[in-house]
Amino acid sequence: MSFLGFLLLGLIAGAIAKAILPGKSDGGWISTLVLGIIGAMLGGWLGNVLFGAEMSRFFSIGSWALAIGGSLIVLLIWGAITRKRS
């Protein structure tokens, strides 16, 4: 997958993860992009380590599931960190 494809996947996965998680979430499109990309990388890494899955194709259901799952994990961690500070 190209770098721009990975950015787009991260942005969309981050937006879907924010829509799935209940409650008010702070941040705009830039934080969604950053957290989505981090989540997509985390999901791809976990999928590769645990299941041997690869995120090589943009239009693969497995790539999207790993990216969204990783984004959910990152958003949960980010929410726990920001709640403790405020």
Protein backbone atom coordinates (compact mmCIF):
# COMPACT_ATOMS: atom_id res chain seq x y z
CA MET A 1 0.00 0.00 0.00
CA SER A 2 1.34 3.45 -0.82
CA PHE A 3 2.02 6.12 1.78
CA LEU A 4 -0.98 8.21 0.67
CA GLY A 5 -3.19 5.13 0.79
CA PHE A 6 -1.98 4.45 4.32
CA LEU A 7 -2.76 8.07 5.31
CA LEU A 8 -6.25 7.80 3.86
CA LEU A 9 -6.83 4.45 5.55
CA GLY A 10 -5.69 5.92 8.88
CA LEU A 11 -7.94 8.97 8.52
CA ILE A 12 -11.02 6.94 7.69
CA ALA A 13 -10.27 4.27 10.32
CA GLY A 14 -9.79 6.99 12.95
CA ALA A 15 -13.09 8.63 12.00
CA ILE A 16 -14.93 5.29 12.15
CA ALA A 17 -13.34 4.50 15.52
CA LYS A 18 -14.42 7.91 16.88
CA ALA A 19 -17.96 7.25 15.65
CA ILE A 20 -18.02 3.80 17.30
CA LEU A 21 -16.78 4.95 20.72
CA PRO A 22 -19.46 6.58 22.87
CA GLY A 23 -19.06 9.92 24.60
CA LYS A 24 -17.49 13.23 23.72
CA SER A 25 -14.09 13.00 22.11
CA ASP A 26 -11.85 16.02 21.79
CA GLY A 27 -9.80 16.86 18.77
CA GLY A 28 -10.37 17.63 15.15
CA TRP A 29 -9.33 16.16 11.85
CA ILE A 30 -5.61 16.40 12.58
CA SER A 31 -5.89 14.41 15.80
CA THR A 32 -8.19 11.94 14.04
CA LEU A 33 -5.58 11.51 11.31
CA VAL A 34 -2.70 11.08 13.74
CA LEU A 35 -4.55 8.69 16.06
CA GLY A 36 -5.94 6.79 13.08
CA ILE A 37 -2.50 6.33 11.53
CA ILE A 38 -1.04 5.24 14.86
CA GLY A 39 -4.01 2.88 15.29
CA ALA A 40 -3.62 1.48 11.78
CA MET A 41 0.07 0.82 12.45
CA LEU A 42 -0.75 -0.79 15.80
CA GLY A 43 -3.51 -2.90 14.27
CA GLY A 44 -1.28 -4.00 11.41
CA TRP A 45 1.54 -4.89 13.77
CA LEU A 46 -0.75 -6.82 16.15
CA GLY A 47 -2.41 -8.59 13.24
CA ASN A 48 0.96 -9.60 11.84
CA VAL A 49 2.31 -10.78 15.20
CA LEU A 50 -0.82 -12.65 16.33
CA PHE A 51 -2.32 -13.93 13.08
CA GLY A 52 0.30 -13.45 10.37
CA ALA A 53 -2.01 -10.98 8.59
CA GLU A 54 -0.65 -8.26 6.31
CA MET A 55 -1.98 -4.81 5.47
CA SER A 56 -0.76 -4.82 1.90
CA ARG A 57 -3.98 -3.93 0.03
CA PHE A 58 -6.18 -0.88 0.53
CA PHE A 59 -9.45 -2.58 -0.46
CA SER A 60 -8.97 -5.59 1.80
CA ILE A 61 -11.52 -6.22 4.56
CA GLY A 62 -8.72 -7.52 6.76
CA SER A 63 -6.74 -4.30 6.37
CA TRP A 64 -9.77 -2.21 7.33
CA ALA A 65 -10.64 -4.43 10.30
CA LEU A 66 -7.09 -4.28 11.62
CA ALA A 67 -6.88 -0.51 11.12
CA ILE A 68 -10.23 0.17 12.81
CA GLY A 69 -9.45 -2.22 15.67
CA GLY A 70 -6.06 -0.61 16.22
CA SER A 71 -7.64 2.85 16.11
CA LEU A 72 -10.19 1.82 18.73
CA ILE A 73 -7.38 0.63 21.00
CA VAL A 74 -5.43 3.87 20.52
CA LEU A 75 -8.52 6.01 21.14
CA LEU A 76 -9.31 4.10 24.33
CA ILE A 77 -5.76 4.61 25.57
CA TRP A 78 -5.82 8.29 24.54
CA GLY A 79 -9.15 8.79 26.33
CA ALA A 80 -7.78 7.22 29.51
CA ILE A 81 -4.70 9.46 29.40
CA THR A 82 -6.60 12.70 28.75
CA ARG A 83 -9.27 12.00 31.38
CA LYS A 84 -6.65 11.61 34.09
CA ARG A 85 -5.04 14.94 33.20
CA SER A 86 -8.24 16.98 33.25
